[in-house]
PDB file of all heavy atoms in Angstrom:
ATOM      1  N   LEU A   1     -93.703 161.079-135.542  1.00  0.00           N
ATOM      2  CA  LEU A   1     -95.007 160.522-135.200  1.00  0.00           C
ATOM      3  C   LEU A   1     -95.292 159.382-136.161  1.00  0.00           C
ATOM      4  O   LEU A   1     -94.799 159.385-137.302  1.00  0.00           O
ATOM      5  CB  LEU A   1     -96.121 161.568-135.340  1.00  0.00           C
ATOM      6  CG  LEU A   1     -96.327 162.608-134.254  1.00  0.00           C
ATOM      7  CD1 LEU A   1     -97.402 163.602-134.682  1.00  0.00           C
ATOM      8  CD2 LEU A   1     -96.685 161.974-132.923  1.00  0.00           C
ATOM      9  N   ARG A   2     -96.104 158.425-135.705  1.00  0.00           N
ATOM     10  CA  ARG A   2     -96.582 157.379-136.600  1.00  0.00           C
ATOM     11  C   ARG A   2     -98.095 157.381-136.596  1.00  0.00           C
ATOM     12  O   ARG A   2     -98.709 157.206-135.540  1.00  0.00           O
ATOM     13  CB  ARG A   2     -96.053 155.996-136.205  1.00  0.00           C
ATOM     14  CG  ARG A   2     -96.404 154.948-137.260  1.00  0.00           C
ATOM     15  CD  ARG A   2     -95.834 153.588-136.960  1.00  0.00           C
ATOM     16  NE  ARG A   2     -96.645 152.845-136.007  1.00  0.00           N
ATOM     17  CZ  ARG A   2     -96.666 151.521-135.932  1.00  0.00           C
ATOM     18  NH1 ARG A   2     -95.933 150.805-136.774  1.00  0.00           N
ATOM     19  NH2 ARG A   2     -97.405 150.920-135.019  1.00  0.00           N
ATOM     20  N   LEU A   3     -98.658 157.587-137.758  1.00  0.00           N
ATOM     21  CA  LEU A   3    -100.104 157.530-137.919  1.00  0.00           C
ATOM     22  C   LEU A   3    -100.513 156.126-138.339  1.00  0.00           C
ATOM     23  O   LEU A   3     -99.787 155.450-139.071  1.00  0.00           O
ATOM     24  CB  LEU A   3    -100.574 158.521-138.972  1.00  0.00           C
ATOM     25  CG  LEU A   3    -100.166 159.981-138.791  1.00  0.00           C
ATOM     26  CD1 LEU A   3    -100.783 160.842-139.891  1.00  0.00           C
ATOM     27  CD2 LEU A   3    -100.528 160.494-137.419  1.00  0.00           C
ATOM     28  N   SER A   4    -101.687 155.712-137.874  1.00  0.00           N
ATOM     29  CA  SER A   4    -102.255 154.423-138.259  1.00  0.00           C
ATOM     30  C   SER A   4    -103.652 154.638-138.827  1.00  0.00           C
ATOM     31  O   SER A   4    -104.366 155.552-138.406  1.00  0.00           O
ATOM     32  CB  SER A   4    -102.345 153.496-137.049  1.00  0.00           C
ATOM     33  OG  SER A   4    -101.078 153.249-136.484  1.00  0.00           O
ATOM     34  N   CYS A   5    -104.029 153.779-139.753  1.00  0.00           N
ATOM     35  CA  CYS A   5    -105.371 153.797-140.314  1.00  0.00           C
ATOM     36  C   CYS A   5    -105.865 152.364-140.390  1.00  0.00           C
ATOM     37  O   CYS A   5    -105.325 151.558-141.159  1.00  0.00           O
ATOM     38  CB  CYS A   5    -105.388 154.438-141.695  1.00  0.00           C
ATOM     39  SG  CYS A   5    -106.970 154.287-142.574  1.00  0.00           S
ATOM     40  N   ALA A   6    -106.868 152.067-139.584  1.00  0.00           N
ATOM     41  CA  ALA A   6    -107.445 150.727-139.569  1.00  0.00           C
ATOM     42  C   ALA A   6    -108.669 150.705-140.488  1.00  0.00           C
ATOM     43  O   ALA A   6    -109.567 151.544-140.369  1.00  0.00           O
ATOM     44  CB  ALA A   6    -107.854 150.355-138.152  1.00  0.00           C
ATOM     45  N   ALA A   7    -108.679 149.753-141.398  1.00  0.00           N
ATOM     46  CA  ALA A   7    -109.753 149.644-142.384  1.00  0.00           C
ATOM     47  C   ALA A   7    -110.648 148.456-142.085  1.00  0.00           C
ATOM     48  O   ALA A   7    -110.170 147.411-141.635  1.00  0.00           O
ATOM     49  CB  ALA A   7    -109.165 149.514-143.780  1.00  0.00           C
ATOM     50  N   SER A   8    -111.925 148.630-142.349  1.00  0.00           N
ATOM     51  CA  SER A   8    -112.866 147.525-142.227  1.00  0.00           C
ATOM     52  C   SER A   8    -113.886 147.633-143.354  1.00  0.00           C
ATOM     53  O   SER A   8    -114.099 148.704-143.915  1.00  0.00           O
ATOM     54  CB  SER A   8    -113.559 147.554-140.869  1.00  0.00           C
ATOM     55  OG  SER A   8    -114.267 148.764-140.690  1.00  0.00           O
ATOM     56  N   GLY A   9    -114.473 146.499-143.680  1.00  0.00           N
ATOM     57  CA  GLY A   9    -115.491 146.494-144.722  1.00  0.00           C
ATOM     58  C   GLY A   9    -114.959 146.394-146.134  1.00  0.00           C
ATOM     59  O   GLY A   9    -115.713 146.528-147.097  1.00  0.00           O
ATOM     60  N   ILE A  10    -113.649 146.179-146.265  1.00  0.00           N
ATOM     61  CA  ILE A  10    -113.042 146.040-147.582  1.00  0.00           C
ATOM     62  C   ILE A  10    -112.101 144.845-147.589  1.00  0.00           C
ATOM     63  O   ILE A  10    -111.686 144.382-146.521  1.00  0.00           O
ATOM     64  CB  ILE A  10    -112.256 147.295-148.008  1.00  0.00           C
ATOM     65  CG1 ILE A  10    -111.079 147.560-147.052  1.00  0.00           C
ATOM     66  CG2 ILE A  10    -113.164 148.494-148.078  1.00  0.00           C
ATOM     67  CD1 ILE A  10    -110.180 148.690-147.502  1.00  0.00           C
ATOM     68  N   ILE A  11    -111.802 144.372-148.798  1.00  0.00           N
ATOM     69  CA  ILE A  11    -110.746 143.366-148.929  1.00  0.00           C
ATOM     70  C   ILE A  11    -109.445 144.145-148.976  1.00  0.00           C
ATOM     71  O   ILE A  11    -108.967 144.535-150.034  1.00  0.00           O
ATOM     72  CB  ILE A  11    -110.943 142.511-150.187  1.00  0.00           C
ATOM     73  CG1 ILE A  11    -112.345 141.889-150.179  1.00  0.00           C
ATOM     74  CG2 ILE A  11    -109.869 141.420-150.256  1.00  0.00           C
ATOM     75  CD1 ILE A  11    -112.696 141.139-151.445  1.00  0.00           C
ATOM     76  N   PHE A  12    -108.913 144.391-147.796  1.00  0.00           N
ATOM     77  CA  PHE A  12    -107.834 145.365-147.630  1.00  0.00           C
ATOM     78  C   PHE A  12    -106.654 145.085-148.548  1.00  0.00           C
ATOM     79  O   PHE A  12    -106.081 145.998-149.130  1.00  0.00           O
ATOM     80  CB  PHE A  12    -107.381 145.364-146.171  1.00  0.00           C
ATOM     81  CG  PHE A  12    -106.301 146.348-145.857  1.00  0.00           C
ATOM     82  CD1 PHE A  12    -106.592 147.687-145.664  1.00  0.00           C
ATOM     83  CD2 PHE A  12    -104.974 145.933-145.746  1.00  0.00           C
ATOM     84  CE1 PHE A  12    -105.592 148.605-145.376  1.00  0.00           C
ATOM     85  CE2 PHE A  12    -103.968 146.836-145.456  1.00  0.00           C
ATOM     86  CZ  PHE A  12    -104.273 148.184-145.265  1.00  0.00           C
ATOM     87  N   SER A  13    -106.309 143.824-148.681  1.00  0.00           N
ATOM     88  CA  SER A  13    -105.060 143.475-149.366  1.00  0.00           C
ATOM     89  C   SER A  13    -105.058 143.864-150.836  1.00  0.00           C
ATOM     90  O   SER A  13    -103.987 143.989-151.433  1.00  0.00           O
ATOM     91  CB  SER A  13    -104.784 141.977-149.228  1.00  0.00           C
ATOM     92  OG  SER A  13    -105.838 141.239-149.819  1.00  0.00           O
ATOM     93  N   ILE A  14    -106.226 144.061-151.457  1.00  0.00           N
ATOM     94  CA  ILE A  14    -106.240 144.362-152.883  1.00  0.00           C
ATOM     95  C   ILE A  14    -106.425 145.843-153.170  1.00  0.00           C
ATOM     96  O   ILE A  14    -106.461 146.247-154.329  1.00  0.00           O
ATOM     97  CB  ILE A  14    -107.348 143.568-153.619  1.00  0.00           C
ATOM     98  CG1 ILE A  14    -108.752 144.042-153.191  1.00  0.00           C
ATOM     99  CG2 ILE A  14    -107.176 142.087-153.405  1.00  0.00           C
ATOM    100  CD1 ILE A  14    -109.853 143.441-154.035  1.00  0.00           C
ATOM    101  N   ASN A  15    -106.533 146.638-152.113  1.00  0.00           N
ATOM    102  CA  ASN A  15    -106.774 148.069-152.306  1.00  0.00           C
ATOM    103  C   ASN A  15    -105.526 148.911-152.099  1.00  0.00           C
ATOM    104  O   ASN A  15    -104.769 148.669-151.160  1.00  0.00           O
ATOM    105  CB  ASN A  15    -107.846 148.561-151.343  1.00  0.00           C
ATOM    106  CG  ASN A  15    -109.223 148.119-151.760  1.00  0.00           C
ATOM    107  OD1 ASN A  15    -109.736 147.126-151.296  1.00  0.00           O
ATOM    108  ND2 ASN A  15    -109.823 148.861-152.666  1.00  0.00           N
ATOM    109  N   SER A  16    -105.355 149.905-152.972  1.00  0.00           N
ATOM    110  CA  SER A  16    -104.355 150.921-152.692  1.00  0.00           C
ATOM    111  C   SER A  16    -104.866 151.785-151.537  1.00  0.00           C
ATOM    112  O   SER A  16    -106.072 152.005-151.403  1.00  0.00           O
ATOM    113  CB  SER A  16    -104.136 151.808-153.921  1.00  0.00           C
ATOM    114  OG  SER A  16    -103.540 151.073-154.972  1.00  0.00           O
ATOM    115  N   MET A  17    -103.959 152.248-150.726  1.00  0.00           N
ATOM    116  CA  MET A  17    -104.278 153.095-149.583  1.00  0.00           C
ATOM    117  C   MET A  17    -103.423 154.352-149.660  1.00  0.00           C
ATOM    118  O   MET A  17    -102.274 154.305-150.118  1.00  0.00           O
ATOM    119  CB  MET A  17    -104.009 152.364-148.273  1.00  0.00           C
ATOM    120  CG  MET A  17    -104.775 151.069-148.093  1.00  0.00           C
ATOM    121  SD  MET A  17    -106.560 151.306-147.990  1.00  0.00           S
ATOM    122  CE  MET A  17    -106.693 152.310-146.508  1.00  0.00           C
ATOM    123  N   ALA A  18    -103.980 155.460-149.201  1.00  0.00           N
ATOM    124  CA  ALA A  18    -103.254 156.718-149.290  1.00  0.00           C
ATOM    125  C   ALA A  18    -103.466 157.566-148.047  1.00  0.00           C
ATOM    126  O   ALA A  18    -104.459 157.400-147.332  1.00  0.00           O
ATOM    127  CB  ALA A  18    -103.699 157.500-150.531  1.00  0.00           C
ATOM    128  N   TRP A  19    -102.533 158.457-147.835  1.00  0.00           N
ATOM    129  CA  TRP A  19    -102.642 159.500-146.811  1.00  0.00           C
ATOM    130  C   TRP A  19    -102.667 160.851-147.516  1.00  0.00           C
ATOM    131  O   TRP A  19    -101.825 161.122-148.387  1.00  0.00           O
ATOM    132  CB  TRP A  19    -101.459 159.458-145.856  1.00  0.00           C
ATOM    133  CG  TRP A  19    -101.478 158.320-144.903  1.00  0.00           C
ATOM    134  CD1 TRP A  19    -100.832 157.120-145.027  1.00  0.00           C
ATOM    135  CD2 TRP A  19    -102.182 158.265-143.661  1.00  0.00           C
ATOM    136  NE1 TRP A  19    -101.088 156.323-143.951  1.00  0.00           N
ATOM    137  CE2 TRP A  19    -101.924 157.005-143.089  1.00  0.00           C
ATOM    138  CE3 TRP A  19    -103.008 159.154-142.968  1.00  0.00           C
ATOM    139  CZ2 TRP A  19    -102.452 156.611-141.855  1.00  0.00           C
ATOM    140  CZ3 TRP A  19    -103.542 158.767-141.750  1.00  0.00           C
ATOM    141  CH2 TRP A  19    -103.266 157.511-141.210  1.00  0.00           C
ATOM    142  N   TYR A  20    -103.621 161.659-147.134  1.00  0.00           N
ATOM    143  CA  TYR A  20    -103.726 163.042-147.575  1.00  0.00           C
ATOM    144  C   TYR A  20    -103.603 163.940-146.349  1.00  0.00           C
ATOM    145  O   TYR A  20    -103.766 163.481-145.219  1.00  0.00           O
ATOM    146  CB  TYR A  20    -105.079 163.312-148.234  1.00  0.00           C
ATOM    147  CG  TYR A  20    -105.243 162.775-149.625  1.00  0.00           C
ATOM    148  CD1 TYR A  20    -105.414 161.416-149.863  1.00  0.00           C
ATOM    149  CD2 TYR A  20    -105.258 163.629-150.723  1.00  0.00           C
ATOM    150  CE1 TYR A  20    -105.574 160.919-151.148  1.00  0.00           C
ATOM    151  CE2 TYR A  20    -105.429 163.159-152.010  1.00  0.00           C
ATOM    152  CZ  TYR A  20    -105.594 161.803-152.220  1.00  0.00           C
ATOM    153  OH  TYR A  20    -105.760 161.328-153.503  1.00  0.00           O
ATOM    154  N   ARG A  21    -103.364 165.221-146.593  1.00  0.00           N
ATOM    155  CA  ARG A  21    -103.386 166.183-145.502  1.00  0.00           C
ATOM    156  C   ARG A  21    -103.987 167.490-145.984  1.00  0.00           C
ATOM    157  O   ARG A  21    -103.953 167.810-147.172  1.00  0.00           O
ATOM    158  CB  ARG A  21    -101.985 166.420-144.933  1.00  0.00           C
ATOM    159  CG  ARG A  21    -101.014 167.129-145.860  1.00  0.00           C
ATOM    160  CD  ARG A  21     -99.632 167.192-145.224  1.00  0.00           C
ATOM    161  NE  ARG A  21     -98.657 167.867-146.091  1.00  0.00           N
ATOM    162  CZ  ARG A  21     -97.354 167.934-145.826  1.00  0.00           C
ATOM    163  NH1 ARG A  21     -96.862 167.359-144.722  1.00  0.00           N
ATOM    164  NH2 ARG A  21     -96.544 168.576-146.641  1.00  0.00           N
ATOM    165  N   GLN A  22    -104.534 168.223-145.022  1.00  0.00           N
ATOM    166  CA  GLN A  22    -105.117 169.520-145.324  1.00  0.00           C
ATOM    167  C   GLN A  22    -104.796 170.496-144.210  1.00  0.00           C
ATOM    168  O   GLN A  22    -105.194 170.275-143.058  1.00  0.00           O
ATOM    169  CB  GLN A  22    -106.627 169.411-145.522  1.00  0.00           C
ATOM    170  CG  GLN A  22    -107.268 170.693-146.008  1.00  0.00           C
ATOM    171  CD  GLN A  22    -108.691 170.492-146.479  1.00  0.00           C
ATOM    172  OE1 GLN A  22    -109.364 169.527-146.110  1.00  0.00           O
ATOM    173  NE2 GLN A  22    -109.189 171.395-147.314  1.00  0.00           N
ATOM    174  N   ALA A  23    -104.079 171.536-144.568  1.00  0.00           N
ATOM    175  CA  ALA A  23    -103.758 172.599-143.627  1.00  0.00           C
ATOM    176  C   ALA A  23    -104.831 173.690-143.727  1.00  0.00           C
ATOM    177  O   ALA A  23    -105.490 173.815-144.758  1.00  0.00           O
ATOM    178  CB  ALA A  23    -102.383 173.171-143.935  1.00  0.00           C
ATOM    179  N   PRO A  24    -104.999 174.482-142.677  1.00  0.00           N
ATOM    180  CA  PRO A  24    -106.007 175.544-142.713  1.00  0.00           C
ATOM    181  C   PRO A  24    -105.808 176.477-143.901  1.00  0.00           C
ATOM    182  O   PRO A  24    -104.689 176.941-144.162  1.00  0.00           O
ATOM    183  CB  PRO A  24    -105.778 176.279-141.390  1.00  0.00           C
ATOM    184  CG  PRO A  24    -105.201 175.246-140.495  1.00  0.00           C
ATOM    185  CD  PRO A  24    -104.337 174.397-141.368  1.00  0.00           C
ATOM    186  N   GLY A  25    -106.869 176.711-144.652  1.00  0.00           N
ATOM    187  CA  GLY A  25    -106.812 177.615-145.785  1.00  0.00           C
ATOM    188  C   GLY A  25    -106.186 177.037-147.029  1.00  0.00           C
ATOM    189  O   GLY A  25    -106.010 177.759-148.025  1.00  0.00           O
ATOM    190  N   LYS A  26    -105.835 175.760-146.984  1.00  0.00           N
ATOM    191  CA  LYS A  26    -105.193 175.130-148.141  1.00  0.00           C
ATOM    192  C   LYS A  26    -106.026 173.956-148.632  1.00  0.00           C
ATOM    193  O   LYS A  26    -106.852 173.405-147.904  1.00  0.00           O
ATOM    194  CB  LYS A  26    -103.781 174.668-147.798  1.00  0.00           C
ATOM    195  CG  LYS A  26    -102.822 175.798-147.469  1.00  0.00           C
ATOM    196  CD  LYS A  26    -101.404 175.279-147.322  1.00  0.00           C
ATOM    197  CE  LYS A  26    -100.430 176.416-147.084  1.00  0.00           C
ATOM    198  NZ  LYS A  26     -99.020 175.923-146.965  1.00  0.00           N
ATOM    199  N   GLU A  27    -105.760 173.550-149.876  1.00  0.00           N
ATOM    200  CA  GLU A  27    -106.459 172.391-150.422  1.00  0.00           C
ATOM    201  C   GLU A  27    -105.875 171.100-149.858  1.00  0.00           C
ATOM    202  O   GLU A  27    -104.709 171.055-149.456  1.00  0.00           O
ATOM    203  CB  GLU A  27    -106.338 172.391-151.953  1.00  0.00           C
ATOM    204  CG  GLU A  27    -107.091 173.536-152.625  1.00  0.00           C
ATOM    205  CD  GLU A  27    -107.110 173.386-154.132  1.00  0.00           C
ATOM    206  OE1 GLU A  27    -106.466 172.462-154.663  1.00  0.00           O
ATOM    207  OE2 GLU A  27    -107.772 174.212-154.779  1.00  0.00           O
ATOM    208  N   ARG A  28    -106.707 170.061-149.860  1.00  0.00           N
ATOM    209  CA  ARG A  28    -106.220 168.758-149.438  1.00  0.00           C
ATOM    210  C   ARG A  28    -105.212 168.252-150.471  1.00  0.00           C
ATOM    211  O   ARG A  28    -105.435 168.364-151.673  1.00  0.00           O
ATOM    212  CB  ARG A  28    -107.392 167.789-149.310  1.00  0.00           C
ATOM    213  CG  ARG A  28    -107.076 166.506-148.609  1.00  0.00           C
ATOM    214  CD  ARG A  28    -108.339 165.719-148.293  1.00  0.00           C
ATOM    215  NE  ARG A  28    -109.182 166.400-147.321  1.00  0.00           N
ATOM    216  CZ  ARG A  28    -110.234 165.832-146.742  1.00  0.00           C
ATOM    217  NH1 ARG A  28    -110.565 164.581-147.031  1.00  0.00           N
ATOM    218  NH2 ARG A  28    -110.957 166.515-145.879  1.00  0.00           N
ATOM    219  N   GLU A  29    -104.104 167.692-149.998  1.00  0.00           N
ATOM    220  CA  GLU A  29    -103.065 167.227-150.892  1.00  0.00           C
ATOM    221  C   GLU A  29    -102.659 165.795-150.564  1.00  0.00           C
ATOM    222  O   GLU A  29    -102.683 165.381-149.405  1.00  0.00           O
ATOM    223  CB  GLU A  29    -101.828 168.130-150.810  1.00  0.00           C
ATOM    224  CG  GLU A  29    -101.147 168.155-149.461  1.00  0.00           C
ATOM    225  CD  GLU A  29     -99.837 168.938-149.460  1.00  0.00           C
ATOM    226  OE1 GLU A  29     -99.354 169.327-150.536  1.00  0.00           O
ATOM    227  OE2 GLU A  29     -99.285 169.139-148.356  1.00  0.00           O
ATOM    228  N   LEU A  30    -102.264 165.073-151.615  1.00  0.00           N
ATOM    229  CA  LEU A  30    -101.787 163.708-151.450  1.00  0.00           C
ATOM    230  C   LEU A  30    -100.391 163.733-150.848  1.00  0.00           C
ATOM    231  O   LEU A  30     -99.496 164.414-151.341  1.00  0.00           O
ATOM    232  CB  LEU A  30    -101.760 162.996-152.800  1.00  0.00           C
ATOM    233  CG  LEU A  30    -101.200 161.572-152.817  1.00  0.00           C
ATOM    234  CD1 LEU A  30    -102.054 160.641-151.969  1.00  0.00           C
ATOM    235  CD2 LEU A  30    -101.120 161.065-154.262  1.00  0.00           C
ATOM    236  N   VAL A  31    -100.218 162.969-149.779  1.00  0.00           N
ATOM    237  CA  VAL A  31     -98.926 162.886-149.106  1.00  0.00           C
ATOM    238  C   VAL A  31     -98.176 161.622-149.533  1.00  0.00           C
ATOM    239  O   VAL A  31     -96.995 161.681-149.896  1.00  0.00           O
ATOM    240  CB  VAL A  31     -99.104 162.886-147.579  1.00  0.00           C
ATOM    241  CG1 VAL A  31     -97.771 162.683-146.875  1.00  0.00           C
ATOM    242  CG2 VAL A  31     -99.763 164.183-147.124  1.00  0.00           C
ATOM    243  N   ALA A  32     -98.845 160.485-149.471  1.00  0.00           N
ATOM    244  CA  ALA A  32     -98.205 159.210-149.789  1.00  0.00           C
ATOM    245  C   ALA A  32     -99.267 158.194-150.165  1.00  0.00           C
ATOM    246  O   ALA A  32    -100.407 158.279-149.707  1.00  0.00           O
ATOM    247  CB  ALA A  32     -97.387 158.700-148.605  1.00  0.00           C
ATOM    248  N   LEU A  33     -98.852 157.227-150.978  1.00  0.00           N
ATOM    249  CA  LEU A  33     -99.762 156.172-151.427  1.00  0.00           C
ATOM    250  C   LEU A  33     -99.001 154.868-151.495  1.00  0.00           C
ATOM    251  O   LEU A  33     -97.797 154.850-151.818  1.00  0.00           O
ATOM    252  CB  LEU A  33    -100.325 156.531-152.795  1.00  0.00           C
ATOM    253  CG  LEU A  33    -101.260 155.533-153.484  1.00  0.00           C
ATOM    254  CD1 LEU A  33    -102.328 156.280-154.283  1.00  0.00           C
ATOM    255  CD2 LEU A  33    -100.504 154.586-154.408  1.00  0.00           C
ATOM    256  N   ILE A  34     -99.697 153.782-151.194  1.00  0.00           N
ATOM    257  CA  ILE A  34     -99.110 152.448-151.318  1.00  0.00           C
ATOM    258  C   ILE A  34    -100.113 151.558-152.030  1.00  0.00           C
ATOM    259  O   ILE A  34    -101.293 151.517-151.681  1.00  0.00           O
ATOM    260  CB  ILE A  34     -98.704 151.882-149.939  1.00  0.00           C
ATOM    261  CG1 ILE A  34     -97.970 150.545-150.109  1.00  0.00           C
ATOM    262  CG2 ILE A  34     -99.888 151.766-148.989  1.00  0.00           C
ATOM    263  CD1 ILE A  34     -97.244 150.103-148.833  1.00  0.00           C
ATOM    264  N   THR A  35     -99.638 150.847-153.048  1.00  0.00           N
ATOM    265  CA  THR A  35    -100.517 149.972-153.811  1.00  0.00           C
ATOM    266  C   THR A  35    -100.642 148.606-153.144  1.00  0.00           C
ATOM    267  O   THR A  35     -99.946 148.310-152.165  1.00  0.00           O
ATOM    268  CB  THR A  35     -99.983 149.789-155.236  1.00  0.00           C
ATOM    269  OG1 THR A  35     -98.766 149.018-155.172  1.00  0.00           O
ATOM    270  CG2 THR A  35     -99.701 151.128-155.908  1.00  0.00           C
ATOM    271  N   SER A  36    -101.491 147.777-153.725  1.00  0.00           N
ATOM    272  CA  SER A  36    -101.634 146.422-153.195  1.00  0.00           C
ATOM    273  C   SER A  36    -100.332 145.641-153.364  1.00  0.00           C
ATOM    274  O   SER A  36    -100.044 144.728-152.582  1.00  0.00           O
ATOM    275  CB  SER A  36    -102.775 145.692-153.900  1.00  0.00           C
ATOM    276  OG  SER A  36    -102.532 145.626-155.298  1.00  0.00           O
ATOM    277  N   GLY A  37     -99.548 146.032-154.358  1.00  0.00           N
ATOM    278  CA  GLY A  37     -98.266 145.374-154.576  1.00  0.00           C
ATOM    279  C   GLY A  37     -97.126 146.031-153.837  1.00  0.00           C
ATOM    280  O   GLY A  37     -95.969 145.705-154.065  1.00  0.00           O
TER     281      GLY A  37
END
């Protein structure tokens, strides 16, 4: 699968972006992150 996240209201290019996930009964966890660089 490919997930997409469209951002608005920010200067997107200078922000790090991340994906988290949360399964039932579990804490939210960081899956992946990408920096502005």
